[in-house]
């Protein structure tokens, strides 16, 4: 099993930056592909970014390409989401998730149902 805890959320002005962190427990973290999702009030949870177990491959939803960057440090059991040029529409609760059964290229997935473990989320609010 993998236990995930997100941190780093907060209130930021439009155009600003935040770095989210996701700390994972368990000695098998490096075998999991990781993803970030977000959920705005009244909306479904949506995919943001994913990274392969090695960190060599990443995938982003179009809405954040060029602004967000996902990375991981397997020695620290952590995955990160650097968010730049934030917009009010980025306001949401951000969740990290882990999977070993994604069927996409490089073991990545944007489908919620392919992720087995989820954190509790961290709130990101971007003011205009």
Foldseek 3Di string as FASTA:
>chain_A
DKAKAKDWADEEAAQAKTKMKIAIDDLCLLLWKKFKWWDDPPGDIWGAKIAASVRPDMDGDPVQPPFWDWGADSVRRMIMIIGGRDDQVVWTWMKMFIANQQPDPNSDDGDPVRTDYMYPTDTHGYHD
